[in-house]
Amino acid sequence: GKLHPLGLHFAFIDPYNLEALDFRIVAALSELKRIDMLVHVSKMDLQRNLGFNLTGQQRAFDVFAPGWRDAVQLNQSQKRIRGEVFEYWQGLIIALGVWPSTEMRLIVG
C-alpha cells in the first residue's frame, strides 16, 4: 500500500528456501502495474527436499507452488518430478499475467 501505483518497481526475491518463497508474495507483487521481479528459486532445495515433500513430511512445495500435487505425475524419475514442479510454478506465474523470462540461468558457486 505504500508503493506509488504508477511508479516503476523492482523486487529482488532471494528466499532462504522454497518454503520462504510463498507464492502469495509473488501474487501480491504481480498486482503492481509496473514491476520487474528477479526471483531466486533454489534448485538445491528442489533436489534435497523432494522426498520429504513427496511423503508430506514437509510442505515447502505446497507453499511454493500451490496445487502441484494435482498437476505433477509422481510415478517418474525425481529429476522429471522436479522439472514438472518448476514448470507448474512457471504456469502459475503466467496465470497471474506476468511473463517469465525465457533465459533462466543456473547459478553455481
PDB file of N, CA and C in Angstrom:
ATOM      1  N   GLY A   1       0.792  -1.195   0.000  1.00  0.00           N
ATOM      2  CA  GLY A   1       0.000   0.000   0.000  1.00  0.00           C
ATOM      3  C   GLY A   1       0.838   1.266   0.000  1.00  0.00           C
ATOM      4  N   LYS A   2       2.103   1.159   0.370  1.00  0.00           N
ATOM      5  CA  LYS A   2       2.968   2.337   0.430  1.00  0.00           C
ATOM      6  C   LYS A   2       3.645   2.634  -0.901  1.00  0.00           C
ATOM      7  N   LEU A   3       3.525   1.735  -1.859  1.00  0.00           N
ATOM      8  CA  LEU A   3       4.168   1.942  -3.151  1.00  0.00           C
ATOM      9  C   LEU A   3       3.284   2.780  -4.059  1.00  0.00           C
ATOM     10  N   HIS A   4       3.907   3.648  -4.824  1.00  0.00           N
ATOM     11  CA  HIS A   4       3.166   4.502  -5.752  1.00  0.00           C
ATOM     12  C   HIS A   4       2.588   3.626  -6.864  1.00  0.00           C
ATOM     13  N   PRO A   5       1.294   3.691  -7.110  1.00  0.00           N
ATOM     14  CA  PRO A   5       0.669   2.799  -8.098  1.00  0.00           C
ATOM     15  C   PRO A   5       1.184   2.991  -9.526  1.00  0.00           C
ATOM     16  N   LEU A   6       1.717   4.179  -9.841  1.00  0.00           N
ATOM     17  CA  LEU A   6       2.223   4.414 -11.189  1.00  0.00           C
ATOM     18  C   LEU A   6       3.750   4.405 -11.241  1.00  0.00           C
ATOM     19  N   GLY A   7       4.390   4.104 -10.124  1.00  0.00           N
ATOM     20  CA  GLY A   7       5.849   4.084 -10.079  1.00  0.00           C
ATOM     21  C   GLY A   7       6.426   2.863 -10.773  1.00  0.00           C
ATOM     22  N   LEU A   8       7.719   2.924 -11.039  1.00  0.00           N
ATOM     23  CA  LEU A   8       8.448   1.783 -11.580  1.00  0.00           C
ATOM     24  C   LEU A   8       9.064   1.039 -10.390  1.00  0.00           C
ATOM     25  N   HIS A   9       8.838  -0.273 -10.320  1.00  0.00           N
ATOM     26  CA  HIS A   9       9.270  -1.040  -9.157  1.00  0.00           C
ATOM     27  C   HIS A   9      10.128  -2.227  -9.583  1.00  0.00           C
ATOM     28  N   PHE A  10      11.005  -2.616  -8.689  1.00  0.00           N
ATOM     29  CA  PHE A  10      11.838  -3.800  -8.896  1.00  0.00           C
ATOM     30  C   PHE A  10      11.888  -4.575  -7.588  1.00  0.00           C
ATOM     31  N   ALA A  11      11.638  -5.867  -7.664  1.00  0.00           N
ATOM     32  CA  ALA A  11      11.698  -6.723  -6.484  1.00  0.00           C
ATOM     33  C   ALA A  11      12.733  -7.816  -6.721  1.00  0.00           C
ATOM     34  N   PHE A  12      13.695  -7.904  -5.818  1.00  0.00           N
ATOM     35  CA  PHE A  12      14.672  -8.989  -5.832  1.00  0.00           C
ATOM     36  C   PHE A  12      14.273  -9.941  -4.718  1.00  0.00           C
ATOM     37  N   ILE A  13      13.811 -11.110  -5.098  1.00  0.00           N
ATOM     38  CA  ILE A  13      13.293 -12.078  -4.138  1.00  0.00           C
ATOM     39  C   ILE A  13      14.315 -13.203  -4.019  1.00  0.00           C
ATOM     40  N   ASP A  14      14.952 -13.264  -2.871  1.00  0.00           N
ATOM     41  CA  ASP A  14      16.029 -14.229  -2.634  1.00  0.00           C
ATOM     42  C   ASP A  14      15.772 -14.950  -1.315  1.00  0.00           C
ATOM     43  N   PRO A  15      14.828 -15.886  -1.317  1.00  0.00           N
ATOM     44  CA  PRO A  15      14.459 -16.554  -0.066  1.00  0.00           C
ATOM     45  C   PRO A  15      15.516 -17.553   0.388  1.00  0.00           C
ATOM     46  N   TYR A  16      15.461 -17.853   1.656  1.00  0.00           N
ATOM     47  CA  TYR A  16      16.374 -18.829   2.249  1.00  0.00           C
ATOM     48  C   TYR A  16      16.121 -20.225   1.679  1.00  0.00           C
ATOM     49  N   ASN A  17      14.864 -20.555   1.445  1.00  0.00           N
ATOM     50  CA  ASN A  17      14.493 -21.865   0.890  1.00  0.00           C
ATOM     51  C   ASN A  17      13.155 -21.724   0.155  1.00  0.00           C
ATOM     52  N   LEU A  18      12.679 -22.803  -0.423  1.00  0.00           N
ATOM     53  CA  LEU A  18      11.439 -22.741  -1.203  1.00  0.00           C
ATOM     54  C   LEU A  18      10.225 -22.406  -0.355  1.00  0.00           C
ATOM     55  N   GLU A  19      10.196 -22.869   0.877  1.00  0.00           N
ATOM     56  CA  GLU A  19       9.043 -22.575   1.722  1.00  0.00           C
ATOM     57  C   GLU A  19       8.937 -21.074   2.009  1.00  0.00           C
ATOM     58  N   ALA A  20      10.078 -20.395   2.047  1.00  0.00           N
ATOM     59  CA  ALA A  20      10.071 -18.943   2.258  1.00  0.00           C
ATOM     60  C   ALA A  20       9.633 -18.198   0.999  1.00  0.00           C
ATOM     61  N   LEU A  21       9.610 -18.884  -0.133  1.00  0.00           N
ATOM     62  CA  LEU A  21       9.154 -18.277  -1.391  1.00  0.00           C
ATOM     63  C   LEU A  21       7.661 -18.572  -1.552  1.00  0.00           C
ATOM     64  N   ASP A  22       6.894 -18.016  -0.644  1.00  0.00           N
ATOM     65  CA  ASP A  22       5.450 -18.207  -0.630  1.00  0.00           C
ATOM     66  C   ASP A  22       4.860 -17.602  -1.908  1.00  0.00           C
ATOM     67  N   PHE A  23       4.087 -18.378  -2.627  1.00  0.00           N
ATOM     68  CA  PHE A  23       3.526 -17.911  -3.889  1.00  0.00           C
ATOM     69  C   PHE A  23       2.668 -16.665  -3.707  1.00  0.00           C
ATOM     70  N   ARG A  24       2.089 -16.501  -2.531  1.00  0.00           N
ATOM     71  CA  ARG A  24       1.258 -15.320  -2.279  1.00  0.00           C
ATOM     72  C   ARG A  24       2.066 -14.028  -2.382  1.00  0.00           C
ATOM     73  N   ILE A  25       3.369 -14.101  -2.110  1.00  0.00           N
ATOM     74  CA  ILE A  25       4.227 -12.918  -2.229  1.00  0.00           C
ATOM     75  C   ILE A  25       4.314 -12.492  -3.692  1.00  0.00           C
ATOM     76  N   VAL A  26       4.586 -13.443  -4.558  1.00  0.00           N
ATOM     77  CA  VAL A  26       4.686 -13.148  -5.989  1.00  0.00           C
ATOM     78  C   VAL A  26       3.331 -12.669  -6.511  1.00  0.00           C
ATOM     79  N   ALA A  27       2.268 -13.294  -6.056  1.00  0.00           N
ATOM     80  CA  ALA A  27       0.928 -12.898  -6.493  1.00  0.00           C
ATOM     81  C   ALA A  27       0.620 -11.458  -6.074  1.00  0.00           C
ATOM     82  N   ALA A  28       0.972 -11.101  -4.849  1.00  0.00           N
ATOM     83  CA  ALA A  28       0.712  -9.733  -4.378  1.00  0.00           C
ATOM     84  C   ALA A  28       1.531  -8.720  -5.167  1.00  0.00           C
ATOM     85  N   LEU A  29       2.802  -9.020  -5.403  1.00  0.00           N
ATOM     86  CA  LEU A  29       3.649  -8.098  -6.169  1.00  0.00           C
ATOM     87  C   LEU A  29       3.185  -7.969  -7.616  1.00  0.00           C
ATOM     88  N   SER A  30       2.643  -9.033  -8.157  1.00  0.00           N
ATOM     89  CA  SER A  30       2.213  -9.001  -9.562  1.00  0.00           C
ATOM     90  C   SER A  30       1.025  -8.079  -9.779  1.00  0.00           C
ATOM     91  N   GLU A  31       0.375  -7.663  -8.712  1.00  0.00           N
ATOM     92  CA  GLU A  31      -0.753  -6.741  -8.844  1.00  0.00           C
ATOM     93  C   GLU A  31      -0.302  -5.320  -9.182  1.00  0.00           C
ATOM     94  N   LEU A  32       0.988  -5.027  -8.945  1.00  0.00           N
ATOM     95  CA  LEU A  32       1.506  -3.721  -9.339  1.00  0.00           C
ATOM     96  C   LEU A  32       1.590  -3.655 -10.857  1.00  0.00           C
ATOM     97  N   LYS A  33       1.220  -2.539 -11.428  1.00  0.00           N
ATOM     98  CA  LYS A  33       1.210  -2.415 -12.884  1.00  0.00           C
ATOM     99  C   LYS A  33       2.606  -2.419 -13.484  1.00  0.00           C
ATOM    100  N   ARG A  34       3.566  -1.814 -12.793  1.00  0.00           N
ATOM    101  CA  ARG A  34       4.915  -1.680 -13.345  1.00  0.00           C
ATOM    102  C   ARG A  34       5.924  -2.243 -12.365  1.00  0.00           C
ATOM    103  N   ILE A  35       6.175  -3.535 -12.500  1.00  0.00           N
ATOM    104  CA  ILE A  35       7.153  -4.165 -11.622  1.00  0.00           C
ATOM    105  C   ILE A  35       7.929  -5.226 -12.389  1.00  0.00           C
ATOM    106  N   ASP A  36       9.207  -5.262 -12.151  1.00  0.00           N
ATOM    107  CA  ASP A  36      10.053  -6.363 -12.603  1.00  0.00           C
ATOM    108  C   ASP A  36      10.462  -7.121 -11.361  1.00  0.00           C
ATOM    109  N   MET A  37      10.551  -8.439 -11.492  1.00  0.00           N
ATOM    110  CA  MET A  37      10.955  -9.277 -10.368  1.00  0.00           C
ATOM    111  C   MET A  37      12.115 -10.168 -10.791  1.00  0.00           C
ATOM    112  N   LEU A  38      13.078 -10.260  -9.939  1.00  0.00           N
ATOM    113  CA  LEU A  38      14.170 -11.216 -10.098  1.00  0.00           C
ATOM    114  C   LEU A  38      14.013 -12.195  -8.947  1.00  0.00           C
ATOM    115  N   VAL A  39      13.718 -13.445  -9.276  1.00  0.00           N
ATOM    116  CA  VAL A  39      13.395 -14.437  -8.256  1.00  0.00           C
ATOM    117  C   VAL A  39      14.448 -15.538  -8.259  1.00  0.00           C
ATOM    118  N   HIS A  40      15.019 -15.793  -7.096  1.00  0.00           N
ATOM    119  CA  HIS A  40      15.956 -16.905  -6.932  1.00  0.00           C
ATOM    120  C   HIS A  40      15.155 -18.120  -6.480  1.00  0.00           C
ATOM    121  N   VAL A  41      15.132 -19.145  -7.325  1.00  0.00           N
ATOM    122  CA  VAL A  41      14.486 -20.412  -6.987  1.00  0.00           C
ATOM    123  C   VAL A  41      15.601 -21.400  -6.690  1.00  0.00           C
ATOM    124  N   SER A  42      15.605 -21.937  -5.497  1.00  0.00           N
ATOM    125  CA  SER A  42      16.687 -22.812  -5.061  1.00  0.00           C
ATOM    126  C   SER A  42      16.559 -24.212  -5.663  1.00  0.00           C
ATOM    127  N   LYS A  43      17.382 -24.480  -6.672  1.00  0.00           N
ATOM    128  CA  LYS A  43      17.395 -25.822  -7.262  1.00  0.00           C
ATOM    129  C   LYS A  43      17.859 -26.837  -6.214  1.00  0.00           C
ATOM    130  N   MET A  44      18.766 -26.401  -5.355  1.00  0.00           N
ATOM    131  CA  MET A  44      19.266 -27.294  -4.313  1.00  0.00           C
ATOM    132  C   MET A  44      18.125 -27.739  -3.398  1.00  0.00           C
ATOM    133  N   ASP A  45      17.233 -26.818  -3.044  1.00  0.00           N
ATOM    134  CA  ASP A  45      16.104 -27.177  -2.187  1.00  0.00           C
ATOM    135  C   ASP A  45      15.148 -28.114  -2.929  1.00  0.00           C
ATOM    136  N   LEU A  46      14.961 -27.877  -4.231  1.00  0.00           N
ATOM    137  CA  LEU A  46      14.130 -28.783  -5.030  1.00  0.00           C
ATOM    138  C   LEU A  46      14.704 -30.193  -5.015  1.00  0.00           C
ATOM    139  N   GLN A  47      16.031 -30.304  -5.106  1.00  0.00           N
ATOM    140  CA  GLN A  47      16.684 -31.613  -5.130  1.00  0.00           C
ATOM    141  C   GLN A  47      16.710 -32.263  -3.752  1.00  0.00           C
ATOM    142  N   ARG A  48      17.234 -31.518  -2.790  1.00  0.00           N
ATOM    143  CA  ARG A  48      17.491 -32.081  -1.466  1.00  0.00           C
ATOM    144  C   ARG A  48      16.218 -32.494  -0.749  1.00  0.00           C
ATOM    145  N   ASN A  49      15.154 -31.739  -0.906  1.00  0.00           N
ATOM    146  CA  ASN A  49      13.959 -31.980  -0.108  1.00  0.00           C
ATOM    147  C   ASN A  49      12.791 -32.567  -0.894  1.00  0.00           C
ATOM    148  N   LEU A  50      13.060 -33.061  -2.088  1.00  0.00           N
ATOM    149  CA  LEU A  50      11.993 -33.646  -2.892  1.00  0.00           C
ATOM    150  C   LEU A  50      11.305 -34.784  -2.150  1.00  0.00           C
ATOM    151  N   GLY A  51      12.072 -35.697  -1.606  1.00  0.00           N
ATOM    152  CA  GLY A  51      11.497 -36.851  -0.916  1.00  0.00           C
ATOM    153  C   GLY A  51      10.604 -36.459   0.241  1.00  0.00           C
ATOM    154  N   PHE A  52      11.030 -35.479   1.029  1.00  0.00           N
ATOM    155  CA  PHE A  52      10.229 -35.020   2.168  1.00  0.00           C
ATOM    156  C   PHE A  52       8.908 -34.407   1.708  1.00  0.00           C
ATOM    157  N   ASN A  53       8.935 -33.721   0.577  1.00  0.00           N
ATOM    158  CA  ASN A  53       7.717 -33.114   0.058  1.00  0.00           C
ATOM    159  C   ASN A  53       6.797 -34.155  -0.575  1.00  0.00           C
ATOM    160  N   LEU A  54       7.380 -35.182  -1.180  1.00  0.00           N
ATOM    161  CA  LEU A  54       6.559 -36.239  -1.768  1.00  0.00           C
ATOM    162  C   LEU A  54       5.800 -37.014  -0.699  1.00  0.00           C
ATOM    163  N   THR A  55       6.441 -37.241   0.448  1.00  0.00           N
ATOM    164  CA  THR A  55       5.809 -38.009   1.524  1.00  0.00           C
ATOM    165  C   THR A  55       4.947 -37.152   2.437  1.00  0.00           C
ATOM    166  N   GLY A  56       4.993 -35.840   2.262  1.00  0.00           N
ATOM    167  CA  GLY A  56       4.191 -34.958   3.091  1.00  0.00           C
ATOM    168  C   GLY A  56       4.852 -34.561   4.396  1.00  0.00           C
ATOM    169  N   GLN A  57       6.131 -34.943   4.578  1.00  0.00           N
ATOM    170  CA  GLN A  57       6.844 -34.568   5.798  1.00  0.00           C
ATOM    171  C   GLN A  57       7.176 -33.080   5.814  1.00  0.00           C
ATOM    172  N   GLN A  58       7.254 -32.477   4.644  1.00  0.00           N
ATOM    173  CA  GLN A  58       7.465 -31.042   4.525  1.00  0.00           C
ATOM    174  C   GLN A  58       6.396 -30.480   3.604  1.00  0.00           C
ATOM    175  N   ARG A  59       6.130 -29.198   3.736  1.00  0.00           N
ATOM    176  CA  ARG A  59       5.110 -28.568   2.898  1.00  0.00           C
ATOM    177  C   ARG A  59       5.674 -27.429   2.059  1.00  0.00           C
ATOM    178  N   ALA A  60       6.978 -27.406   1.874  1.00  0.00           N
ATOM    179  CA  ALA A  60       7.619 -26.320   1.131  1.00  0.00           C
ATOM    180  C   ALA A  60       7.072 -26.200  -0.287  1.00  0.00           C
ATOM    181  N   PHE A  61       6.901 -27.318  -0.970  1.00  0.00           N
ATOM    182  CA  PHE A  61       6.401 -27.276  -2.349  1.00  0.00           C
ATOM    183  C   PHE A  61       4.962 -26.753  -2.385  1.00  0.00           C
ATOM    184  N   ASP A  62       4.168 -27.062  -1.342  1.00  0.00           N
ATOM    185  CA  ASP A  62       2.784 -26.592  -1.287  1.00  0.00           C
ATOM    186  C   ASP A  62       2.723 -25.072  -1.167  1.00  0.00           C
ATOM    187  N   VAL A  63       3.686 -24.485  -0.462  1.00  0.00           N
ATOM    188  CA  VAL A  63       3.747 -23.027  -0.308  1.00  0.00           C
ATOM    189  C   VAL A  63       4.294 -22.393  -1.580  1.00  0.00           C
ATOM    190  N   PHE A  64       5.319 -23.010  -2.146  1.00  0.00           N
ATOM    191  CA  PHE A  64       5.985 -22.513  -3.350  1.00  0.00           C
ATOM    192  C   PHE A  64       5.067 -22.587  -4.574  1.00  0.00           C
ATOM    193  N   ALA A  65       4.413 -23.726  -4.760  1.00  0.00           N
ATOM    194  CA  ALA A  65       3.574 -23.953  -5.947  1.00  0.00           C
ATOM    195  C   ALA A  65       2.267 -24.631  -5.527  1.00  0.00           C
ATOM    196  N   PRO A  66       1.326 -23.864  -4.976  1.00  0.00           N
ATOM    197  CA  PRO A  66       0.065 -24.456  -4.503  1.00  0.00           C
ATOM    198  C   PRO A  66      -0.634 -25.270  -5.585  1.00  0.00           C
ATOM    199  N   GLY A  67      -1.027 -26.493  -5.218  1.00  0.00           N
ATOM    200  CA  GLY A  67      -1.729 -27.365  -6.156  1.00  0.00           C
ATOM    201  C   GLY A  67      -0.829 -28.255  -6.988  1.00  0.00           C
ATOM    202  N   TRP A  68       0.471 -28.248  -6.716  1.00  0.00           N
ATOM    203  CA  TRP A  68       1.420 -29.003  -7.539  1.00  0.00           C
ATOM    204  C   TRP A  68       1.120 -30.495  -7.555  1.00  0.00           C
ATOM    205  N   ARG A  69       0.626 -31.036  -6.466  1.00  0.00           N
ATOM    206  CA  ARG A  69       0.369 -32.489  -6.411  1.00  0.00           C
ATOM    207  C   ARG A  69      -0.658 -32.943  -7.442  1.00  0.00           C
ATOM    208  N   ASP A  70      -1.592 -32.083  -7.753  1.00  0.00           N
ATOM    209  CA  ASP A  70      -2.624 -32.429  -8.731  1.00  0.00           C
ATOM    210  C   ASP A  70      -2.135 -32.280 -10.164  1.00  0.00           C
ATOM    211  N   ALA A  71      -1.010 -31.600 -10.356  1.00  0.00           N
ATOM    212  CA  ALA A  71      -0.519 -31.301 -11.703  1.00  0.00           C
ATOM    213  C   ALA A  71       0.705 -32.110 -12.108  1.00  0.00           C
ATOM    214  N   VAL A  72       1.355 -32.746 -11.148  1.00  0.00           N
ATOM    215  CA  VAL A  72       2.625 -33.428 -11.408  1.00  0.00           C
ATOM    216  C   VAL A  72       2.442 -34.937 -11.276  1.00  0.00           C
ATOM    217  N   GLN A  73       2.950 -35.656 -12.274  1.00  0.00           N
ATOM    218  CA  GLN A  73       2.966 -37.127 -12.205  1.00  0.00           C
ATOM    219  C   GLN A  73       4.050 -37.543 -11.213  1.00  0.00           C
ATOM    220  N   LEU A  74       3.677 -38.264 -10.175  1.00  0.00           N
ATOM    221  CA  LEU A  74       4.636 -38.627  -9.126  1.00  0.00           C
ATOM    222  C   LEU A  74       5.324 -39.970  -9.377  1.00  0.00           C
ATOM    223  N   ASN A  75       4.877 -40.718 -10.370  1.00  0.00           N
ATOM    224  CA  ASN A  75       5.472 -42.029 -10.653  1.00  0.00           C
ATOM    225  C   ASN A  75       6.467 -41.938 -11.813  1.00  0.00           C
ATOM    226  N   GLN A  76       7.447 -41.056 -11.673  1.00  0.00           N
ATOM    227  CA  GLN A  76       8.501 -40.893 -12.671  1.00  0.00           C
ATOM    228  C   GLN A  76       9.794 -40.540 -11.950  1.00  0.00           C
ATOM    229  N   SER A  77      10.832 -40.302 -12.690  1.00  0.00           N
ATOM    230  CA  SER A  77      12.132 -40.022 -12.070  1.00  0.00           C
ATOM    231  C   SER A  77      12.071 -38.735 -11.244  1.00  0.00           C
ATOM    232  N   GLN A  78      12.934 -38.677 -10.248  1.00  0.00           N
ATOM    233  CA  GLN A  78      12.979 -37.486  -9.395  1.00  0.00           C
ATOM    234  C   GLN A  78      13.341 -36.239 -10.198  1.00  0.00           C
ATOM    235  N   LYS A  79      14.235 -36.390 -11.149  1.00  0.00           N
ATOM    236  CA  LYS A  79      14.619 -35.256 -11.989  1.00  0.00           C
ATOM    237  C   LYS A  79      13.408 -34.706 -12.736  1.00  0.00           C
ATOM    238  N   ARG A  80      12.599 -35.588 -13.291  1.00  0.00           N
ATOM    239  CA  ARG A  80      11.415 -35.160 -14.048  1.00  0.00           C
ATOM    240  C   ARG A  80      10.369 -34.562 -13.111  1.00  0.00           C
ATOM    241  N   ILE A  81      10.212 -35.120 -11.920  1.00  0.00           N
ATOM    242  CA  ILE A  81       9.271 -34.548 -10.949  1.00  0.00           C
ATOM    243  C   ILE A  81       9.682 -33.115 -10.616  1.00  0.00           C
ATOM    244  N   ARG A  82      10.974 -32.915 -10.337  1.00  0.00           N
ATOM    245  CA  ARG A  82      11.462 -31.566 -10.030  1.00  0.00           C
ATOM    246  C   ARG A  82      11.197 -30.615 -11.195  1.00  0.00           C
ATOM    247  N   GLY A  83      11.439 -31.104 -12.410  1.00  0.00           N
ATOM    248  CA  GLY A  83      11.190 -30.282 -13.592  1.00  0.00           C
ATOM    249  C   GLY A  83       9.728 -29.903 -13.719  1.00  0.00           C
ATOM    250  N   GLU A  84       8.852 -30.847 -13.470  1.00  0.00           N
ATOM    251  CA  GLU A  84       7.422 -30.576 -13.586  1.00  0.00           C
ATOM    252  C   GLU A  84       6.925 -29.637 -12.489  1.00  0.00           C
ATOM    253  N   VAL A  85       7.491 -29.754 -11.283  1.00  0.00           N
ATOM    254  CA  VAL A  85       7.125 -28.824 -10.210  1.00  0.00           C
ATOM    255  C   VAL A  85       7.497 -27.404 -10.630  1.00  0.00           C
ATOM    256  N   PHE A  86       8.706 -27.249 -11.172  1.00  0.00           N
ATOM    257  CA  PHE A  86       9.148 -25.924 -11.608  1.00  0.00           C
ATOM    258  C   PHE A  86       8.301 -25.409 -12.765  1.00  0.00           C
ATOM    259  N   GLU A  87       7.997 -26.275 -13.725  1.00  0.00           N
ATOM    260  CA  GLU A  87       7.158 -25.874 -14.859  1.00  0.00           C
ATOM    261  C   GLU A  87       5.760 -25.487 -14.388  1.00  0.00           C
ATOM    262  N   TYR A  88       5.245 -26.207 -13.412  1.00  0.00           N
ATOM    263  CA  TYR A  88       3.932 -25.877 -12.855  1.00  0.00           C
ATOM    264  C   TYR A  88       3.976 -24.496 -12.204  1.00  0.00           C
ATOM    265  N   TRP A  89       5.054 -24.212 -11.446  1.00  0.00           N
ATOM    266  CA  TRP A  89       5.224 -22.901 -10.813  1.00  0.00           C
ATOM    267  C   TRP A  89       5.258 -21.801 -11.876  1.00  0.00           C
ATOM    268  N   GLN A  90       5.983 -22.056 -12.961  1.00  0.00           N
ATOM    269  CA  GLN A  90       6.019 -21.078 -14.053  1.00  0.00           C
ATOM    270  C   GLN A  90       4.616 -20.835 -14.615  1.00  0.00           C
ATOM    271  N   GLY A  91       3.838 -21.884 -14.735  1.00  0.00           N
ATOM    272  CA  GLY A  91       2.463 -21.748 -15.215  1.00  0.00           C
ATOM    273  C   GLY A  91       1.617 -20.893 -14.285  1.00  0.00           C
ATOM    274  N   LEU A  92       1.837 -21.050 -12.978  1.00  0.00           N
ATOM    275  CA  LEU A  92       1.126 -20.208 -12.014  1.00  0.00           C
ATOM    276  C   LEU A  92       1.507 -18.740 -12.193  1.00  0.00           C
ATOM    277  N   ILE A  93       2.778 -18.508 -12.447  1.00  0.00           N
ATOM    278  CA  ILE A  93       3.264 -17.144 -12.668  1.00  0.00           C
ATOM    279  C   ILE A  93       2.595 -16.553 -13.919  1.00  0.00           C
ATOM    280  N   ILE A  94       2.573 -17.317 -14.985  1.00  0.00           N
ATOM    281  CA  ILE A  94       1.948 -16.855 -16.238  1.00  0.00           C
ATOM    282  C   ILE A  94       0.467 -16.559 -16.019  1.00  0.00           C
ATOM    283  N   ALA A  95      -0.211 -17.394 -15.219  1.00  0.00           N
ATOM    284  CA  ALA A  95      -1.632 -17.191 -14.941  1.00  0.00           C
ATOM    285  C   ALA A  95      -1.893 -15.876 -14.215  1.00  0.00           C
ATOM    286  N   LEU A  96      -0.880 -15.336 -13.538  1.00  0.00           N
ATOM    287  CA  LEU A  96      -1.017 -14.041 -12.877  1.00  0.00           C
ATOM    288  C   LEU A  96      -0.928 -12.881 -13.870  1.00  0.00           C
ATOM    289  N   GLY A  97      -0.564 -13.186 -15.106  1.00  0.00           N
ATOM    290  CA  GLY A  97      -0.386 -12.142 -16.104  1.00  0.00           C
ATOM    291  C   GLY A  97       1.034 -11.614 -16.148  1.00  0.00           C
ATOM    292  N   VAL A  98       1.949 -12.364 -15.553  1.00  0.00           N
ATOM    293  CA  VAL A  98       3.367 -11.999 -15.529  1.00  0.00           C
ATOM    294  C   VAL A  98       4.080 -12.858 -16.563  1.00  0.00           C
ATOM    295  N   TRP A  99       5.025 -12.278 -17.268  1.00  0.00           N
ATOM    296  CA  TRP A  99       5.735 -13.012 -18.301  1.00  0.00           C
ATOM    297  C   TRP A  99       7.120 -13.384 -17.807  1.00  0.00           C
ATOM    298  N   PRO A 100       7.330 -14.664 -17.480  1.00  0.00           N
ATOM    299  CA  PRO A 100       8.665 -15.066 -17.022  1.00  0.00           C
ATOM    300  C   PRO A 100       9.673 -15.055 -18.166  1.00  0.00           C
ATOM    301  N   SER A 101      10.901 -14.822 -17.818  1.00  0.00           N
ATOM    302  CA  SER A 101      11.973 -14.807 -18.808  1.00  0.00           C
ATOM    303  C   SER A 101      12.156 -16.200 -19.400  1.00  0.00           C
ATOM    304  N   THR A 102      12.547 -16.226 -20.652  1.00  0.00           N
ATOM    305  CA  THR A 102      12.879 -17.498 -21.285  1.00  0.00           C
ATOM    306  C   THR A 102      14.358 -17.814 -21.108  1.00  0.00           C
ATOM    307  N   GLU A 103      15.095 -16.918 -20.490  1.00  0.00           N
ATOM    308  CA  GLU A 103      16.529 -17.087 -20.299  1.00  0.00           C
ATOM    309  C   GLU A 103      16.892 -17.266 -18.829  1.00  0.00           C
ATOM    310  N   MET A 104      16.325 -18.288 -18.208  1.00  0.00           N
ATOM    311  CA  MET A 104      16.646 -18.574 -16.810  1.00  0.00           C
ATOM    312  C   MET A 104      17.981 -19.279 -16.766  1.00  0.00           C
ATOM    313  N   ARG A 105      18.783 -18.928 -15.773  1.00  0.00           N
ATOM    314  CA  ARG A 105      20.132 -19.477 -15.683  1.00  0.00           C
ATOM    315  C   ARG A 105      20.367 -20.145 -14.345  1.00  0.00           C
ATOM    316  N   LEU A 106      21.108 -21.236 -14.408  1.00  0.00           N
ATOM    317  CA  LEU A 106      21.563 -21.902 -13.194  1.00  0.00           C
ATOM    318  C   LEU A 106      22.841 -21.211 -12.745  1.00  0.00           C
ATOM    319  N   ILE A 107      22.815 -20.725 -11.525  1.00  0.00           N
ATOM    320  CA  ILE A 107      23.986 -20.051 -10.978  1.00  0.00           C
ATOM    321  C   ILE A 107      24.600 -20.966  -9.935  1.00  0.00           C
ATOM    322  N   VAL A 108      25.882 -21.235 -10.077  1.00  0.00           N
ATOM    323  CA  VAL A 108      26.572 -22.131  -9.162  1.00  0.00           C
ATOM    324  C   VAL A 108      27.773 -21.420  -8.547  1.00  0.00           C
ATOM    325  N   GLY A 109      28.242 -21.983  -7.437  1.00  0.00           N
ATOM    326  CA  GLY A 109      29.467 -21.462  -6.831  1.00  0.00           C
ATOM    327  C   GLY A 109      29.254 -20.423  -5.794  1.00  0.00           C
TER     328      GLY A 109
END
